[in-house]
Amino acid sequence: MATQAKIMTVKVEITKQAGSPVAFAFQDNPGDANKITFENEDHPGFLIYFKIKDVNRTGLRFRPDPQDALWVQLGGAPPAPWTGFVPLSVENEGKKLIVYCRNEEDGQFKFTLRFRRPDGTWDEDWDPIGDGLDGPRGSFS
């Protein structure tokens, strides 16, 4: 049985074509670029490193306050902090957001990754889907 959180790196690709809005995608998930799946494989949760790949140099970075860089929505509730998906820090000049995911329940949840231009003049939000497939590890008590 694993004793440490599973490490997961997730590349967030940001693109913008002339005359179009900014587009976001999970680079390593070609089946559904707006969904991420969590399978803890008997680890006590995940440390997730969301890393920005800014294809067209939009300048977008994660908001500097981790609590403002990630919001979570469970069911019909408004976005709010959740102990199952906790933003820990924003690093590398805003290009990396570190999140702890307990994967405490099976099923999907909505979350929002929140971005800002370095000069603070423009904000963007992206609402992908998280899918916890195997819930907490068997000996979680």
C-alpha atoms as a PDB file:
ATOM      1  CA  MET A   1       0.000   0.000   0.000  1.00  0.00           C
ATOM      2  CA  ALA A   2       1.342   3.416  -0.953  1.00  0.00           C
ATOM      3  CA  THR A   3       2.119   5.789   1.918  1.00  0.00           C
ATOM      4  CA  GLN A   4       2.557   9.040  -0.029  1.00  0.00           C
ATOM      5  CA  ALA A   5       0.313  11.084  -2.267  1.00  0.00           C
ATOM      6  CA  LYS A   6       0.533  10.245  -5.945  1.00  0.00           C
ATOM      7  CA  ILE A   7       2.261  12.962  -7.999  1.00  0.00           C
ATOM      8  CA  MET A   8       0.401  14.073 -11.113  1.00  0.00           C
ATOM      9  CA  THR A   9       1.520  16.712 -13.626  1.00  0.00           C
ATOM     10  CA  VAL A  10      -1.240  18.247 -15.737  1.00  0.00           C
ATOM     11  CA  LYS A  11      -0.401  20.541 -18.645  1.00  0.00           C
ATOM     12  CA  VAL A  12      -2.930  23.325 -19.201  1.00  0.00           C
ATOM     13  CA  GLU A  13      -2.609  24.486 -22.796  1.00  0.00           C
ATOM     14  CA  ILE A  14      -3.695  28.074 -23.482  1.00  0.00           C
ATOM     15  CA  THR A  15      -4.301  29.166 -27.073  1.00  0.00           C
ATOM     16  CA  LYS A  16      -5.772  32.259 -28.688  1.00  0.00           C
ATOM     17  CA  GLN A  17      -6.357  32.827 -32.370  1.00  0.00           C
ATOM     18  CA  ALA A  18      -6.957  36.328 -33.753  1.00  0.00           C
ATOM     19  CA  GLY A  19     -10.588  37.324 -33.286  1.00  0.00           C
ATOM     20  CA  SER A  20     -11.344  34.311 -31.061  1.00  0.00           C
ATOM     21  CA  PRO A  21     -11.623  33.942 -27.306  1.00  0.00           C
ATOM     22  CA  VAL A  22      -8.923  32.251 -25.284  1.00  0.00           C
ATOM     23  CA  ALA A  23      -9.157  28.443 -25.394  1.00  0.00           C
ATOM     24  CA  PHE A  24      -8.009  26.030 -22.692  1.00  0.00           C
ATOM     25  CA  ALA A  25      -7.313  22.297 -22.837  1.00  0.00           C
ATOM     26  CA  PHE A  26      -5.656  19.578 -20.828  1.00  0.00           C
ATOM     27  CA  GLN A  27      -2.826  18.825 -23.235  1.00  0.00           C
ATOM     28  CA  ASP A  28      -2.399  15.159 -22.337  1.00  0.00           C
ATOM     29  CA  ASN A  29      -6.075  14.187 -22.567  1.00  0.00           C
ATOM     30  CA  PRO A  30      -6.981  14.050 -26.271  1.00  0.00           C
ATOM     31  CA  GLY A  31     -10.247  12.154 -25.607  1.00  0.00           C
ATOM     32  CA  ASP A  32     -11.776  15.064 -23.694  1.00  0.00           C
ATOM     33  CA  ALA A  33      -9.559  18.116 -23.290  1.00  0.00           C
ATOM     34  CA  ASN A  34     -11.939  19.560 -20.648  1.00  0.00           C
ATOM     35  CA  LYS A  35     -11.831  16.603 -18.272  1.00  0.00           C
ATOM     36  CA  ILE A  36      -9.253  15.172 -15.927  1.00  0.00           C
ATOM     37  CA  THR A  37      -9.499  11.750 -14.294  1.00  0.00           C
ATOM     38  CA  PHE A  38      -8.088  10.901 -10.883  1.00  0.00           C
ATOM     39  CA  GLU A  39      -7.192   7.275 -10.129  1.00  0.00           C
ATOM     40  CA  ASN A  40      -5.275   7.169  -6.877  1.00  0.00           C
ATOM     41  CA  GLU A  41      -4.139   3.531  -7.206  1.00  0.00           C
ATOM     42  CA  ASP A  42      -4.245   3.125  -3.404  1.00  0.00           C
ATOM     43  CA  HIS A  43      -2.315   6.348  -2.689  1.00  0.00           C
ATOM     44  CA  PRO A  44      -3.673   8.729  -0.014  1.00  0.00           C
ATOM     45  CA  GLY A  45      -4.654  11.338  -2.615  1.00  0.00           C
ATOM     46  CA  PHE A  46      -2.685  13.349  -5.156  1.00  0.00           C
ATOM     47  CA  LEU A  47      -0.344  16.280  -5.414  1.00  0.00           C
ATOM     48  CA  ILE A  48      -1.309  17.844  -8.724  1.00  0.00           C
ATOM     49  CA  TYR A  49       1.002  20.220 -10.546  1.00  0.00           C
ATOM     50  CA  PHE A  50      -1.070  22.243 -13.026  1.00  0.00           C
ATOM     51  CA  LYS A  51       1.496  23.735 -15.448  1.00  0.00           C
ATOM     52  CA  ILE A  52       0.662  26.365 -18.055  1.00  0.00           C
ATOM     53  CA  LYS A  53       1.727  25.911 -21.670  1.00  0.00           C
ATOM     54  CA  ASP A  54       1.006  29.334 -23.205  1.00  0.00           C
ATOM     55  CA  VAL A  55       1.076  28.455 -26.907  1.00  0.00           C
ATOM     56  CA  ASN A  56       0.283  31.936 -28.280  1.00  0.00           C
ATOM     57  CA  ARG A  57       1.953  33.955 -25.514  1.00  0.00           C
ATOM     58  CA  THR A  58      -1.260  35.349 -24.039  1.00  0.00           C
ATOM     59  CA  GLY A  59       0.612  36.147 -20.831  1.00  0.00           C
ATOM     60  CA  LEU A  60      -2.067  34.477 -18.707  1.00  0.00           C
ATOM     61  CA  ARG A  61      -0.884  33.078 -15.393  1.00  0.00           C
ATOM     62  CA  PHE A  62      -2.667  31.530 -12.444  1.00  0.00           C
ATOM     63  CA  ARG A  63      -3.964  34.154 -10.030  1.00  0.00           C
ATOM     64  CA  PRO A  64      -1.306  34.715  -7.354  1.00  0.00           C
ATOM     65  CA  ASP A  65      -3.457  33.714  -4.355  1.00  0.00           C
ATOM     66  CA  PRO A  66      -3.937  29.908  -4.488  1.00  0.00           C
ATOM     67  CA  GLN A  67      -7.409  30.232  -2.903  1.00  0.00           C
ATOM     68  CA  ASP A  68      -8.383  32.543  -5.767  1.00  0.00           C
ATOM     69  CA  ALA A  69      -6.667  30.458  -8.478  1.00  0.00           C
ATOM     70  CA  LEU A  70      -8.927  27.422  -7.932  1.00  0.00           C
ATOM     71  CA  TRP A  71     -12.632  27.213  -7.067  1.00  0.00           C
ATOM     72  CA  VAL A  72     -14.641  24.019  -6.685  1.00  0.00           C
ATOM     73  CA  GLN A  73     -18.346  23.356  -7.182  1.00  0.00           C
ATOM     74  CA  LEU A  74     -20.037  20.277  -5.776  1.00  0.00           C
ATOM     75  CA  GLY A  75     -23.534  19.480  -6.998  1.00  0.00           C
ATOM     76  CA  GLY A  76     -25.573  22.687  -7.323  1.00  0.00           C
ATOM     77  CA  ALA A  77     -23.672  24.582  -4.629  1.00  0.00           C
ATOM     78  CA  PRO A  78     -21.828  27.806  -5.481  1.00  0.00           C
ATOM     79  CA  PRO A  79     -18.049  27.580  -5.971  1.00  0.00           C
ATOM     80  CA  ALA A  80     -16.310  27.443  -2.610  1.00  0.00           C
ATOM     81  CA  PRO A  81     -13.332  25.872  -0.832  1.00  0.00           C
ATOM     82  CA  TRP A  82     -13.590  22.072  -0.502  1.00  0.00           C
ATOM     83  CA  THR A  83     -11.384  19.821   1.620  1.00  0.00           C
ATOM     84  CA  GLY A  84     -11.236  17.308  -1.234  1.00  0.00           C
ATOM     85  CA  PHE A  85      -9.419  19.644  -3.644  1.00  0.00           C
ATOM     86  CA  VAL A  86      -7.168  22.142  -1.893  1.00  0.00           C
ATOM     87  CA  PRO A  87      -4.999  24.759  -3.664  1.00  0.00           C
ATOM     88  CA  LEU A  88      -1.617  24.900  -1.907  1.00  0.00           C
ATOM     89  CA  SER A  89       0.561  27.360  -3.826  1.00  0.00           C
ATOM     90  CA  VAL A  90       1.137  29.274  -7.034  1.00  0.00           C
ATOM     91  CA  GLU A  91       4.760  29.123  -8.184  1.00  0.00           C
ATOM     92  CA  ASN A  92       7.113  29.718 -11.101  1.00  0.00           C
ATOM     93  CA  GLU A  93       5.874  33.268 -11.735  1.00  0.00           C
ATOM     94  CA  GLY A  94       2.272  32.053 -11.875  1.00  0.00           C
ATOM     95  CA  LYS A  95       2.925  29.249 -14.358  1.00  0.00           C
ATOM     96  CA  LYS A  96       2.348  26.435 -11.830  1.00  0.00           C
ATOM     97  CA  LEU A  97      -0.529  25.785  -9.429  1.00  0.00           C
ATOM     98  CA  ILE A  98      -0.065  23.032  -6.858  1.00  0.00           C
ATOM     99  CA  VAL A  99      -3.215  21.345  -5.546  1.00  0.00           C
ATOM    100  CA  TYR A 100      -3.821  18.512  -3.098  1.00  0.00           C
ATOM    101  CA  CYS A 101      -6.672  16.200  -4.111  1.00  0.00           C
ATOM    102  CA  ARG A 102      -7.928  13.736  -1.492  1.00  0.00           C
ATOM    103  CA  ASN A 103     -10.042  11.894  -4.092  1.00  0.00           C
ATOM    104  CA  GLU A 104     -12.449  11.346  -1.214  1.00  0.00           C
ATOM    105  CA  GLU A 105     -15.481  10.364  -3.285  1.00  0.00           C
ATOM    106  CA  ASP A 106     -16.197   8.631  -6.550  1.00  0.00           C
ATOM    107  CA  GLY A 107     -17.786  10.794  -9.203  1.00  0.00           C
ATOM    108  CA  GLN A 108     -17.456  14.054 -11.034  1.00  0.00           C
ATOM    109  CA  PHE A 109     -17.005  17.541  -9.655  1.00  0.00           C
ATOM    110  CA  LYS A 110     -16.696  20.910 -11.343  1.00  0.00           C
ATOM    111  CA  PHE A 111     -13.769  23.176 -10.682  1.00  0.00           C
ATOM    112  CA  THR A 112     -12.565  26.483 -12.036  1.00  0.00           C
ATOM    113  CA  LEU A 113      -8.976  27.368 -12.842  1.00  0.00           C
ATOM    114  CA  ARG A 114      -8.627  31.145 -12.661  1.00  0.00           C
ATOM    115  CA  PHE A 115      -6.065  33.151 -14.641  1.00  0.00           C
ATOM    116  CA  ARG A 116      -4.803  36.735 -14.811  1.00  0.00           C
ATOM    117  CA  ARG A 117      -2.530  38.731 -17.089  1.00  0.00           C
ATOM    118  CA  PRO A 118       0.700  39.815 -15.371  1.00  0.00           C
ATOM    119  CA  ASP A 119      -0.421  43.475 -15.498  1.00  0.00           C
ATOM    120  CA  GLY A 120      -3.744  42.542 -13.828  1.00  0.00           C
ATOM    121  CA  THR A 121      -5.918  43.996 -16.617  1.00  0.00           C
ATOM    122  CA  TRP A 122      -7.559  40.776 -17.807  1.00  0.00           C
ATOM    123  CA  ASP A 123      -8.973  37.747 -16.052  1.00  0.00           C
ATOM    124  CA  GLU A 124     -10.078  34.434 -17.541  1.00  0.00           C
ATOM    125  CA  ASP A 125     -11.753  31.438 -15.916  1.00  0.00           C
ATOM    126  CA  TRP A 126     -11.900  27.878 -17.215  1.00  0.00           C
ATOM    127  CA  ASP A 127     -14.358  25.296 -15.916  1.00  0.00           C
ATOM    128  CA  PRO A 128     -13.123  21.749 -16.591  1.00  0.00           C
ATOM    129  CA  ILE A 129     -14.486  18.578 -14.953  1.00  0.00           C
ATOM    130  CA  GLY A 130     -12.716  16.391 -12.408  1.00  0.00           C
ATOM    131  CA  ASP A 131     -13.601  12.712 -12.188  1.00  0.00           C
ATOM    132  CA  GLY A 132     -12.558  10.754  -9.103  1.00  0.00           C
ATOM    133  CA  LEU A 133     -12.798   7.166 -10.293  1.00  0.00           C
ATOM    134  CA  ASP A 134     -11.714   5.137  -7.326  1.00  0.00           C
ATOM    135  CA  GLY A 135     -12.499   7.287  -4.306  1.00  0.00           C
ATOM    136  CA  PRO A 136     -10.456   7.038  -1.119  1.00  0.00           C
ATOM    137  CA  ARG A 137      -7.973   4.228  -0.780  1.00  0.00           C
ATOM    138  CA  GLY A 138      -9.227   1.092   0.882  1.00  0.00           C
ATOM    139  CA  SER A 139      -7.588   1.600   4.280  1.00  0.00           C
ATOM    140  CA  PHE A 140      -8.554   5.278   4.580  1.00  0.00           C
ATOM    141  CA  SER A 141     -10.050   5.610   8.060  1.00  0.00           C
END
